[in-house]
Amino acid sequence: MTAADRDEADARTPSDDRRDRVDRHPRPHVGTSLGKWYQIRNPLRVAVNYAVILLCRISPSLTLKRVLLRRLGVTVGEGVAFGLESTPDVFWPELITIEDDVIVGYDATILCHEFLREEYRTGAVHIREGAMIGAGAIVLPGVEIGENAQVAANSLVTEDVPPETTVVGVPAEPEE
């Protein structure tokens, strides 16, 4: 991280941090939060979401993907292109907003939840107009990806990506 990057990070308000946009929920039972996920989300709803997302993952039709994902509650803009095998969150797809002309690459994953030992977390993901998510990238809950930003293939996005910025790596950092 360069001095300029540290100055920018220090200048952020608390609401600029994805962790401030993630809701924390105590586990509702003994054991890990994933152990009894069916107490957290309706199993029928998750099964329907999974079936529809599975169809979207294998369908070559971008129009069909947009229509089906909108039916699940994903906000999908015009001209959004989901690559084959790309996976939006199965538990909380309604927390995803993707603006116009975004590309979500092959096998990319957009998560809106994290099941942890002591709690589970949920957070909206917002992908701004013209952004690109590379193949195999993973976007974590609460992240905002700025307008015309690019996430390189196989990157792990743990923080917001500013507009017009390319991030790479695990965790994803601005390209130098």
N, C-alpha and C. Protein backbone atom coordinates (compact mmCIF):
# COMPACT_ATOMS: atom_id res chain seq x y z
N MET A 1 0.85 -1.17 0.00
CA MET A 1 0.00 0.00 0.00
C MET A 1 0.90 1.24 0.00
N THR A 2 0.67 2.14 -0.92
CA THR A 2 1.47 3.36 -1.02
C THR A 2 0.98 4.39 0.01
N ALA A 3 1.77 5.45 0.19
CA ALA A 3 1.37 6.52 1.11
C ALA A 3 0.07 7.16 0.66
N ALA A 4 -0.10 7.33 -0.65
CA ALA A 4 -1.34 7.92 -1.17
C ALA A 4 -2.53 7.03 -0.87
N ASP A 5 -2.34 5.72 -1.00
CA ASP A 5 -3.42 4.78 -0.68
C ASP A 5 -3.80 4.86 0.80
N ARG A 6 -2.79 4.96 1.69
CA ARG A 6 -3.06 5.06 3.13
C ARG A 6 -3.80 6.36 3.43
N ASP A 7 -3.39 7.46 2.79
CA ASP A 7 -4.07 8.74 3.00
C ASP A 7 -5.53 8.65 2.57
N GLU A 8 -5.77 8.01 1.42
CA GLU A 8 -7.15 7.85 0.94
C GLU A 8 -7.94 6.98 1.91
N ALA A 9 -7.35 5.89 2.38
CA ALA A 9 -8.05 5.01 3.33
C ALA A 9 -8.35 5.75 4.62
N ASP A 10 -7.41 6.59 5.11
CA ASP A 10 -7.63 7.34 6.33
C ASP A 10 -8.72 8.40 6.16
N ALA A 11 -8.88 8.91 4.93
CA ALA A 11 -9.87 9.95 4.67
C ALA A 11 -11.29 9.40 4.54
N ARG A 12 -11.43 8.10 4.43
CA ARG A 12 -12.76 7.50 4.28
C ARG A 12 -13.57 7.68 5.55
N THR A 13 -14.84 7.90 5.36
CA THR A 13 -15.73 7.92 6.51
C THR A 13 -16.06 6.48 6.86
N PRO A 14 -16.54 6.21 8.08
CA PRO A 14 -16.85 4.83 8.46
C PRO A 14 -17.82 4.15 7.50
N SER A 15 -18.72 4.89 6.87
CA SER A 15 -19.68 4.27 5.97
C SER A 15 -19.04 3.82 4.66
N ASP A 16 -17.78 4.21 4.41
CA ASP A 16 -17.08 3.78 3.21
C ASP A 16 -16.54 2.37 3.34
N ASP A 17 -16.54 1.81 4.53
CA ASP A 17 -15.99 0.49 4.79
C ASP A 17 -17.09 -0.55 4.66
N ARG A 18 -16.83 -1.60 3.89
CA ARG A 18 -17.85 -2.62 3.68
C ARG A 18 -18.33 -3.23 4.99
N ARG A 19 -17.43 -3.34 5.96
CA ARG A 19 -17.81 -3.94 7.25
C ARG A 19 -18.89 -3.14 7.95
N ASP A 20 -18.97 -1.84 7.67
CA ASP A 20 -20.02 -1.01 8.26
C ASP A 20 -21.36 -1.20 7.55
N ARG A 21 -21.32 -1.80 6.37
CA ARG A 21 -22.56 -2.04 5.62
C ARG A 21 -23.01 -3.50 5.72
N VAL A 22 -22.34 -4.28 6.55
CA VAL A 22 -22.69 -5.68 6.73
C VAL A 22 -23.41 -5.82 8.07
N ASP A 23 -24.58 -6.46 8.03
CA ASP A 23 -25.33 -6.71 9.25
C ASP A 23 -24.85 -8.00 9.90
N ARG A 24 -24.63 -7.93 11.18
CA ARG A 24 -24.19 -9.10 11.95
C ARG A 24 -25.39 -9.68 12.70
N HIS A 25 -25.55 -10.99 12.61
CA HIS A 25 -26.66 -11.68 13.25
C HIS A 25 -26.08 -12.80 14.12
N PRO A 26 -26.46 -12.87 15.40
CA PRO A 26 -25.95 -13.97 16.22
C PRO A 26 -26.52 -15.29 15.71
N ARG A 27 -25.76 -16.35 15.87
CA ARG A 27 -26.28 -17.65 15.45
C ARG A 27 -27.50 -17.97 16.32
N PRO A 28 -28.51 -18.53 15.73
CA PRO A 28 -29.77 -18.76 16.46
C PRO A 28 -29.81 -20.09 17.20
N HIS A 29 -28.68 -20.77 17.36
CA HIS A 29 -28.68 -22.12 17.92
C HIS A 29 -27.27 -22.48 18.37
N VAL A 30 -27.11 -23.65 18.94
CA VAL A 30 -25.79 -24.16 19.32
C VAL A 30 -25.09 -24.67 18.06
N GLY A 31 -23.79 -24.48 17.99
CA GLY A 31 -23.02 -24.91 16.82
C GLY A 31 -22.74 -23.72 15.91
N THR A 32 -22.21 -24.01 14.75
CA THR A 32 -21.88 -22.93 13.80
C THR A 32 -23.15 -22.34 13.20
N SER A 33 -23.03 -21.14 12.66
CA SER A 33 -24.21 -20.49 12.07
C SER A 33 -24.71 -21.23 10.83
N LEU A 34 -23.82 -21.95 10.14
CA LEU A 34 -24.24 -22.70 8.96
C LEU A 34 -24.92 -24.02 9.34
N GLY A 35 -24.66 -24.50 10.54
CA GLY A 35 -25.16 -25.81 10.96
C GLY A 35 -26.66 -25.97 10.82
N LYS A 36 -27.40 -24.93 11.10
CA LYS A 36 -28.86 -24.99 10.96
C LYS A 36 -29.34 -23.80 10.12
N TRP A 37 -28.77 -23.67 8.93
CA TRP A 37 -29.10 -22.56 8.04
C TRP A 37 -30.58 -22.48 7.77
N TYR A 38 -31.26 -23.61 7.79
CA TYR A 38 -32.69 -23.67 7.49
C TYR A 38 -33.53 -22.96 8.55
N GLN A 39 -32.94 -22.61 9.70
CA GLN A 39 -33.64 -21.79 10.68
C GLN A 39 -33.49 -20.30 10.36
N ILE A 40 -32.56 -20.00 9.48
CA ILE A 40 -32.27 -18.61 9.11
C ILE A 40 -33.02 -18.21 7.83
N ARG A 41 -33.01 -19.08 6.85
CA ARG A 41 -33.69 -18.84 5.57
C ARG A 41 -34.62 -20.00 5.26
N ASN A 42 -35.72 -19.71 4.66
CA ASN A 42 -36.71 -20.73 4.29
C ASN A 42 -36.08 -21.71 3.29
N PRO A 43 -36.03 -23.00 3.63
CA PRO A 43 -35.40 -23.97 2.73
C PRO A 43 -36.05 -24.03 1.35
N LEU A 44 -37.35 -23.85 1.27
CA LEU A 44 -38.01 -23.86 -0.04
C LEU A 44 -37.54 -22.67 -0.87
N ARG A 45 -37.42 -21.50 -0.25
CA ARG A 45 -36.94 -20.31 -0.96
C ARG A 45 -35.51 -20.53 -1.46
N VAL A 46 -34.66 -21.11 -0.62
CA VAL A 46 -33.27 -21.37 -1.01
C VAL A 46 -33.22 -22.40 -2.14
N ALA A 47 -34.08 -23.42 -2.07
CA ALA A 47 -34.11 -24.44 -3.12
C ALA A 47 -34.54 -23.84 -4.46
N VAL A 48 -35.54 -22.98 -4.44
CA VAL A 48 -35.98 -22.32 -5.68
C VAL A 48 -34.87 -21.42 -6.21
N ASN A 49 -34.27 -20.64 -5.31
CA ASN A 49 -33.15 -19.77 -5.72
C ASN A 49 -32.05 -20.60 -6.37
N TYR A 50 -31.69 -21.72 -5.72
CA TYR A 50 -30.62 -22.57 -6.22
C TYR A 50 -30.95 -23.12 -7.61
N ALA A 51 -32.18 -23.61 -7.79
CA ALA A 51 -32.58 -24.17 -9.08
C ALA A 51 -32.52 -23.11 -10.18
N VAL A 52 -33.02 -21.92 -9.89
CA VAL A 52 -33.02 -20.85 -10.89
C VAL A 52 -31.59 -20.41 -11.19
N ILE A 53 -30.77 -20.27 -10.16
CA ILE A 53 -29.38 -19.86 -10.37
C ILE A 53 -28.62 -20.94 -11.13
N LEU A 54 -28.89 -22.20 -10.84
CA LEU A 54 -28.25 -23.29 -11.58
C LEU A 54 -28.60 -23.20 -13.07
N LEU A 55 -29.86 -22.93 -13.38
CA LEU A 55 -30.27 -22.76 -14.78
C LEU A 55 -29.54 -21.56 -15.40
N CYS A 56 -29.44 -20.47 -14.64
CA CYS A 56 -28.74 -19.28 -15.14
C CYS A 56 -27.25 -19.57 -15.40
N ARG A 57 -26.65 -20.37 -14.54
CA ARG A 57 -25.22 -20.69 -14.69
C ARG A 57 -24.92 -21.40 -16.00
N ILE A 58 -25.85 -22.24 -16.47
CA ILE A 58 -25.57 -23.04 -17.66
C ILE A 58 -26.22 -22.50 -18.92
N SER A 59 -27.09 -21.51 -18.79
CA SER A 59 -27.77 -20.96 -19.96
C SER A 59 -26.87 -20.00 -20.72
N PRO A 60 -26.78 -20.15 -22.03
CA PRO A 60 -26.00 -19.18 -22.82
C PRO A 60 -26.78 -17.88 -23.08
N SER A 61 -28.08 -17.86 -22.79
CA SER A 61 -28.91 -16.69 -23.09
C SER A 61 -28.76 -15.62 -22.01
N LEU A 62 -28.18 -14.48 -22.37
CA LEU A 62 -28.03 -13.38 -21.43
C LEU A 62 -29.38 -12.79 -21.05
N THR A 63 -30.30 -12.75 -22.00
CA THR A 63 -31.65 -12.23 -21.73
C THR A 63 -32.36 -13.11 -20.71
N LEU A 64 -32.30 -14.42 -20.89
CA LEU A 64 -32.95 -15.34 -19.94
C LEU A 64 -32.35 -15.17 -18.55
N LYS A 65 -31.04 -15.04 -18.46
CA LYS A 65 -30.40 -14.86 -17.16
C LYS A 65 -30.91 -13.60 -16.48
N ARG A 66 -30.97 -12.49 -17.22
CA ARG A 66 -31.44 -11.23 -16.63
C ARG A 66 -32.88 -11.36 -16.14
N VAL A 67 -33.72 -11.97 -16.95
CA VAL A 67 -35.14 -12.13 -16.58
C VAL A 67 -35.28 -13.00 -15.34
N LEU A 68 -34.62 -14.15 -15.32
CA LEU A 68 -34.74 -15.06 -14.18
C LEU A 68 -34.15 -14.46 -12.90
N LEU A 69 -33.01 -13.80 -13.00
CA LEU A 69 -32.41 -13.21 -11.80
C LEU A 69 -33.27 -12.07 -11.26
N ARG A 70 -33.90 -11.32 -12.14
CA ARG A 70 -34.83 -10.27 -11.67
C ARG A 70 -36.00 -10.90 -10.90
N ARG A 71 -36.46 -12.05 -11.36
CA ARG A 71 -37.56 -12.76 -10.68
C ARG A 71 -37.15 -13.20 -9.27
N LEU A 72 -35.86 -13.44 -9.05
CA LEU A 72 -35.37 -13.81 -7.72
C LEU A 72 -35.16 -12.59 -6.82
N GLY A 73 -35.25 -11.40 -7.40
CA GLY A 73 -35.08 -10.19 -6.62
C GLY A 73 -33.79 -9.44 -6.86
N VAL A 74 -32.91 -9.98 -7.71
CA VAL A 74 -31.68 -9.27 -8.06
C VAL A 74 -32.08 -8.05 -8.89
N THR A 75 -31.51 -6.90 -8.57
CA THR A 75 -31.73 -5.71 -9.40
C THR A 75 -30.69 -5.77 -10.52
N VAL A 76 -31.17 -5.96 -11.75
CA VAL A 76 -30.29 -6.15 -12.90
C VAL A 76 -30.59 -5.07 -13.94
N GLY A 77 -29.57 -4.27 -14.26
CA GLY A 77 -29.73 -3.21 -15.24
C GLY A 77 -29.76 -3.74 -16.67
N GLU A 78 -29.92 -2.82 -17.59
CA GLU A 78 -29.95 -3.15 -19.01
C GLU A 78 -28.54 -3.50 -19.48
N GLY A 79 -28.45 -4.47 -20.39
CA GLY A 79 -27.19 -4.83 -21.01
C GLY A 79 -26.21 -5.56 -20.10
N VAL A 80 -26.69 -6.05 -18.95
CA VAL A 80 -25.81 -6.80 -18.05
C VAL A 80 -25.54 -8.17 -18.67
N ALA A 81 -24.28 -8.59 -18.64
CA ALA A 81 -23.88 -9.87 -19.20
C ALA A 81 -23.29 -10.75 -18.11
N PHE A 82 -23.95 -11.87 -17.83
CA PHE A 82 -23.46 -12.86 -16.88
C PHE A 82 -22.80 -13.98 -17.66
N GLY A 83 -21.51 -14.21 -17.39
CA GLY A 83 -20.80 -15.29 -18.04
C GLY A 83 -21.32 -16.64 -17.57
N LEU A 84 -21.01 -17.68 -18.35
CA LEU A 84 -21.37 -19.03 -17.94
C LEU A 84 -20.77 -19.34 -16.58
N GLU A 85 -21.49 -20.08 -15.78
CA GLU A 85 -21.08 -20.53 -14.45
C GLU A 85 -20.95 -19.42 -13.42
N SER A 86 -21.30 -18.17 -13.76
CA SER A 86 -21.27 -17.11 -12.75
C SER A 86 -22.40 -17.36 -11.75
N THR A 87 -22.14 -17.01 -10.48
CA THR A 87 -23.07 -17.38 -9.41
C THR A 87 -23.38 -16.20 -8.50
N PRO A 88 -24.60 -15.70 -8.57
CA PRO A 88 -25.03 -14.72 -7.57
C PRO A 88 -25.42 -15.46 -6.28
N ASP A 89 -25.49 -14.74 -5.18
CA ASP A 89 -25.79 -15.32 -3.88
C ASP A 89 -27.10 -16.12 -3.90
N VAL A 90 -27.06 -17.35 -3.40
CA VAL A 90 -28.22 -18.24 -3.38
C VAL A 90 -29.14 -17.94 -2.21
N PHE A 91 -28.59 -17.49 -1.09
CA PHE A 91 -29.41 -17.24 0.09
C PHE A 91 -30.11 -15.88 0.05
N TRP A 92 -29.41 -14.83 -0.36
CA TRP A 92 -29.97 -13.48 -0.37
C TRP A 92 -29.72 -12.79 -1.71
N PRO A 93 -30.27 -13.30 -2.81
CA PRO A 93 -30.04 -12.65 -4.11
C PRO A 93 -30.63 -11.25 -4.19
N GLU A 94 -31.65 -10.98 -3.38
CA GLU A 94 -32.30 -9.67 -3.40
C GLU A 94 -31.40 -8.56 -2.88
N LEU A 95 -30.26 -8.89 -2.31
CA LEU A 95 -29.32 -7.88 -1.83
C LEU A 95 -28.30 -7.46 -2.91
N ILE A 96 -28.46 -7.96 -4.12
CA ILE A 96 -27.54 -7.64 -5.22
C ILE A 96 -28.17 -6.59 -6.13
N THR A 97 -27.40 -5.54 -6.41
CA THR A 97 -27.78 -4.52 -7.39
C THR A 97 -26.67 -4.43 -8.42
N ILE A 98 -27.04 -4.63 -9.68
CA ILE A 98 -26.08 -4.55 -10.79
C ILE A 98 -26.63 -3.54 -11.79
N GLU A 99 -25.92 -2.45 -11.96
CA GLU A 99 -26.37 -1.39 -12.86
C GLU A 99 -26.10 -1.77 -14.32
N ASP A 100 -26.45 -0.88 -15.24
CA ASP A 100 -26.37 -1.12 -16.68
C ASP A 100 -24.95 -1.45 -17.16
N ASP A 101 -24.91 -2.29 -18.19
CA ASP A 101 -23.70 -2.59 -18.96
C ASP A 101 -22.55 -3.15 -18.12
N VAL A 102 -22.87 -3.96 -17.15
CA VAL A 102 -21.87 -4.64 -16.32
C VAL A 102 -21.60 -6.01 -16.92
N ILE A 103 -20.35 -6.45 -16.83
CA ILE A 103 -19.98 -7.81 -17.23
C ILE A 103 -19.57 -8.57 -15.97
N VAL A 104 -20.20 -9.71 -15.75
CA VAL A 104 -19.82 -10.62 -14.67
C VAL A 104 -19.23 -11.84 -15.35
N GLY A 105 -17.93 -12.05 -15.20
CA GLY A 105 -17.21 -13.05 -15.96
C GLY A 105 -17.50 -14.49 -15.56
N TYR A 106 -16.97 -15.39 -16.37
CA TYR A 106 -17.11 -16.83 -16.19
C TYR A 106 -16.74 -17.24 -14.77
N ASP A 107 -17.63 -17.96 -14.11
CA ASP A 107 -17.40 -18.54 -12.79
C ASP A 107 -17.16 -17.51 -11.69
N ALA A 108 -17.54 -16.25 -11.90
CA ALA A 108 -17.44 -15.25 -10.84
C ALA A 108 -18.56 -15.49 -9.82
N THR A 109 -18.31 -15.11 -8.57
CA THR A 109 -19.27 -15.32 -7.49
C THR A 109 -19.52 -14.01 -6.77
N ILE A 110 -20.80 -13.69 -6.56
CA ILE A 110 -21.19 -12.50 -5.82
C ILE A 110 -21.90 -12.97 -4.55
N LEU A 111 -21.26 -12.75 -3.41
CA LEU A 111 -21.81 -13.21 -2.13
C LEU A 111 -22.43 -12.06 -1.35
N CYS A 112 -23.57 -12.32 -0.73
CA CYS A 112 -24.22 -11.35 0.15
C CYS A 112 -24.32 -11.90 1.56
N HIS A 113 -23.68 -13.01 1.82
CA HIS A 113 -23.71 -13.60 3.16
C HIS A 113 -22.38 -14.26 3.49
N GLU A 114 -22.14 -14.37 4.79
CA GLU A 114 -20.98 -15.10 5.31
C GLU A 114 -21.48 -15.87 6.53
N PHE A 115 -21.43 -17.18 6.49
CA PHE A 115 -21.76 -17.99 7.66
C PHE A 115 -20.46 -18.22 8.43
N LEU A 116 -20.42 -17.79 9.67
CA LEU A 116 -19.23 -17.92 10.51
C LEU A 116 -19.55 -18.77 11.73
N ARG A 117 -18.59 -19.00 12.57
CA ARG A 117 -18.82 -19.84 13.75
C ARG A 117 -19.82 -19.22 14.72
N GLU A 118 -19.61 -17.97 15.09
CA GLU A 118 -20.42 -17.35 16.14
C GLU A 118 -21.57 -16.50 15.61
N GLU A 119 -21.55 -16.20 14.33
CA GLU A 119 -22.57 -15.32 13.75
C GLU A 119 -22.64 -15.56 12.25
N TYR A 120 -23.65 -14.96 11.66
CA TYR A 120 -23.66 -14.88 10.20
C TYR A 120 -23.84 -13.43 9.84
N ARG A 121 -23.37 -13.07 8.66
CA ARG A 121 -23.41 -11.68 8.22
C ARG A 121 -24.09 -11.59 6.87
N THR A 122 -24.82 -10.51 6.67
CA THR A 122 -25.43 -10.24 5.38
C THR A 122 -25.11 -8.80 4.98
N GLY A 123 -24.96 -8.58 3.70
CA GLY A 123 -24.68 -7.24 3.23
C GLY A 123 -24.95 -7.11 1.74
N ALA A 124 -25.51 -5.98 1.37
CA ALA A 124 -25.82 -5.72 -0.04
C ALA A 124 -24.53 -5.53 -0.84
N VAL A 125 -24.56 -5.97 -2.08
CA VAL A 125 -23.47 -5.75 -3.02
C VAL A 125 -24.02 -4.87 -4.13
N HIS A 126 -23.28 -3.81 -4.44
CA HIS A 126 -23.71 -2.88 -5.49
C HIS A 126 -22.59 -2.78 -6.52
N ILE A 127 -22.92 -3.13 -7.75
CA ILE A 127 -21.96 -3.06 -8.85
C ILE A 127 -22.44 -1.96 -9.79
N ARG A 128 -21.65 -0.91 -9.88
CA ARG A 128 -22.04 0.28 -10.63
C ARG A 128 -21.88 0.11 -12.15
N GLU A 129 -22.50 1.01 -12.87
CA GLU A 129 -22.57 0.97 -14.33
C GLU A 129 -21.19 0.81 -14.97
N GLY A 130 -21.14 -0.10 -15.96
CA GLY A 130 -19.95 -0.29 -16.77
C GLY A 130 -18.82 -1.06 -16.10
N ALA A 131 -19.04 -1.57 -14.90
CA ALA A 131 -17.98 -2.31 -14.21
C ALA A 131 -17.81 -3.68 -14.84
N MET A 132 -16.67 -4.29 -14.54
CA MET A 132 -16.39 -5.63 -15.05
C MET A 132 -15.81 -6.47 -13.93
N ILE A 133 -16.38 -7.67 -13.75
CA ILE A 133 -15.89 -8.63 -12.77
C ILE A 133 -15.27 -9.77 -13.57
N GLY A 134 -13.98 -10.02 -13.37
CA GLY A 134 -13.27 -11.02 -14.15
C GLY A 134 -13.64 -12.45 -13.77
N ALA A 135 -13.24 -13.37 -14.62
CA ALA A 135 -13.52 -14.80 -14.43
C ALA A 135 -12.97 -15.28 -13.10
N GLY A 136 -13.78 -16.03 -12.39
CA GLY A 136 -13.36 -16.64 -11.14
C GLY A 136 -13.22 -15.69 -9.96
N ALA A 137 -13.55 -14.43 -10.13
CA ALA A 137 -13.45 -13.47 -9.03
C ALA A 137 -14.55 -13.73 -8.01
N ILE A 138 -14.30 -13.33 -6.76
CA ILE A 138 -15.29 -13.45 -5.69
C ILE A 138 -15.46 -12.08 -5.07
N VAL A 139 -16.73 -11.65 -4.96
CA VAL A 139 -17.07 -10.37 -4.34
C VAL A 139 -17.77 -10.67 -3.03
N LEU A 140 -17.26 -10.11 -1.93
CA LEU A 140 -17.81 -10.38 -0.60
C LEU A 140 -18.95 -9.43 -0.25
N PRO A 141 -19.74 -9.79 0.76
CA PRO A 141 -20.90 -8.98 1.16
C PRO A 141 -20.50 -7.56 1.55
N GLY A 142 -21.38 -6.60 1.22
CA GLY A 142 -21.18 -5.22 1.60
C GLY A 142 -20.30 -4.41 0.68
N VAL A 143 -19.77 -5.04 -0.36
CA VAL A 143 -18.83 -4.37 -1.26
C VAL A 143 -19.59 -3.55 -2.30
N GLU A 144 -19.02 -2.40 -2.64
CA GLU A 144 -19.49 -1.59 -3.76
C GLU A 144 -18.36 -1.51 -4.78
N ILE A 145 -18.69 -1.81 -6.02
CA ILE A 145 -17.72 -1.72 -7.11
C ILE A 145 -18.12 -0.52 -7.96
N GLY A 146 -17.20 0.42 -8.08
CA GLY A 146 -17.49 1.70 -8.70
C GLY A 146 -17.70 1.63 -10.21
N GLU A 147 -18.22 2.73 -10.73
CA GLU A 147 -18.50 2.86 -12.16
C GLU A 147 -17.22 2.64 -12.97
N ASN A 148 -17.34 1.80 -13.99
CA ASN A 148 -16.24 1.47 -14.91
C ASN A 148 -15.01 0.87 -14.22
N ALA A 149 -15.19 0.33 -13.03
CA ALA A 149 -14.09 -0.34 -12.34
C ALA A 149 -13.92 -1.74 -12.93
N GLN A 150 -12.74 -2.31 -12.72
CA GLN A 150 -12.46 -3.65 -13.22
C GLN A 150 -11.86 -4.50 -12.10
N VAL A 151 -12.39 -5.71 -11.98
CA VAL A 151 -11.87 -6.68 -11.03
C VAL A 151 -11.20 -7.77 -11.86
N ALA A 152 -9.91 -7.97 -11.65
CA ALA A 152 -9.16 -8.95 -12.42
C ALA A 152 -9.63 -10.37 -12.10
N ALA A 153 -9.37 -11.27 -13.03
CA ALA A 153 -9.73 -12.67 -12.87
C ALA A 153 -9.12 -13.24 -11.58
N ASN A 154 -9.87 -14.10 -10.92
CA ASN A 154 -9.44 -14.82 -9.71
C ASN A 154 -9.10 -13.91 -8.54
N SER A 155 -9.63 -12.70 -8.52
CA SER A 155 -9.39 -11.79 -7.41
C SER A 155 -10.46 -11.98 -6.33
N LEU A 156 -10.11 -11.62 -5.10
CA LEU A 156 -11.04 -11.67 -3.97
C LEU A 156 -11.28 -10.25 -3.52
N VAL A 157 -12.50 -9.75 -3.74
CA VAL A 157 -12.82 -8.36 -3.45
C VAL A 157 -13.36 -8.26 -2.02
N THR A 158 -12.53 -7.74 -1.13
CA THR A 158 -12.88 -7.62 0.29
C THR A 158 -13.20 -6.19 0.68
N GLU A 159 -12.93 -5.23 -0.21
CA GLU A 159 -13.16 -3.82 0.05
C GLU A 159 -13.77 -3.17 -1.18
N ASP A 160 -14.35 -1.99 -0.99
CA ASP A 160 -14.93 -1.25 -2.11
C ASP A 160 -13.87 -0.99 -3.17
N VAL A 161 -14.32 -0.94 -4.42
CA VAL A 161 -13.43 -0.63 -5.55
C VAL A 161 -13.86 0.74 -6.09
N PRO A 162 -12.97 1.73 -6.05
CA PRO A 162 -13.33 3.06 -6.54
C PRO A 162 -13.63 3.05 -8.05
N PRO A 163 -14.38 4.03 -8.52
CA PRO A 163 -14.66 4.13 -9.96
C PRO A 163 -13.36 4.19 -10.76
N GLU A 164 -13.41 3.66 -11.97
CA GLU A 164 -12.29 3.74 -12.92
C GLU A 164 -11.00 3.09 -12.40
N THR A 165 -11.12 2.15 -11.48
CA THR A 165 -9.95 1.51 -10.88
C THR A 165 -9.93 0.03 -11.24
N THR A 166 -8.74 -0.51 -11.47
CA THR A 166 -8.57 -1.94 -11.68
C THR A 166 -7.94 -2.52 -10.43
N VAL A 167 -8.56 -3.58 -9.90
CA VAL A 167 -8.01 -4.27 -8.72
C VAL A 167 -7.64 -5.68 -9.11
N VAL A 168 -6.58 -6.19 -8.45
CA VAL A 168 -6.07 -7.53 -8.75
C VAL A 168 -5.64 -8.20 -7.46
N GLY A 169 -5.73 -9.52 -7.43
CA GLY A 169 -5.12 -10.29 -6.35
C GLY A 169 -6.05 -10.74 -5.26
N VAL A 170 -5.41 -11.36 -4.26
CA VAL A 170 -6.12 -11.89 -3.09
C VAL A 170 -5.40 -11.37 -1.85
N PRO A 171 -5.95 -10.41 -1.16
CA PRO A 171 -7.17 -9.68 -1.49
C PRO A 171 -6.90 -8.70 -2.64
N ALA A 172 -7.97 -8.30 -3.32
CA ALA A 172 -7.83 -7.41 -4.47
C ALA A 172 -7.34 -6.04 -4.02
N GLU A 173 -6.32 -5.55 -4.71
CA GLU A 173 -5.75 -4.24 -4.44
C GLU A 173 -5.60 -3.50 -5.76
N PRO A 174 -5.60 -2.16 -5.71
CA PRO A 174 -5.43 -1.41 -6.97
C PRO A 174 -4.16 -1.81 -7.70
N GLU A 175 -4.29 -1.94 -9.00
CA GLU A 175 -3.17 -2.30 -9.85
C GLU A 175 -2.18 -1.15 -9.88
N GLU A 176 -0.90 -1.51 -9.85
CA GLU A 176 0.13 -0.45 -9.89
C GLU A 176 0.75 -0.36 -11.24
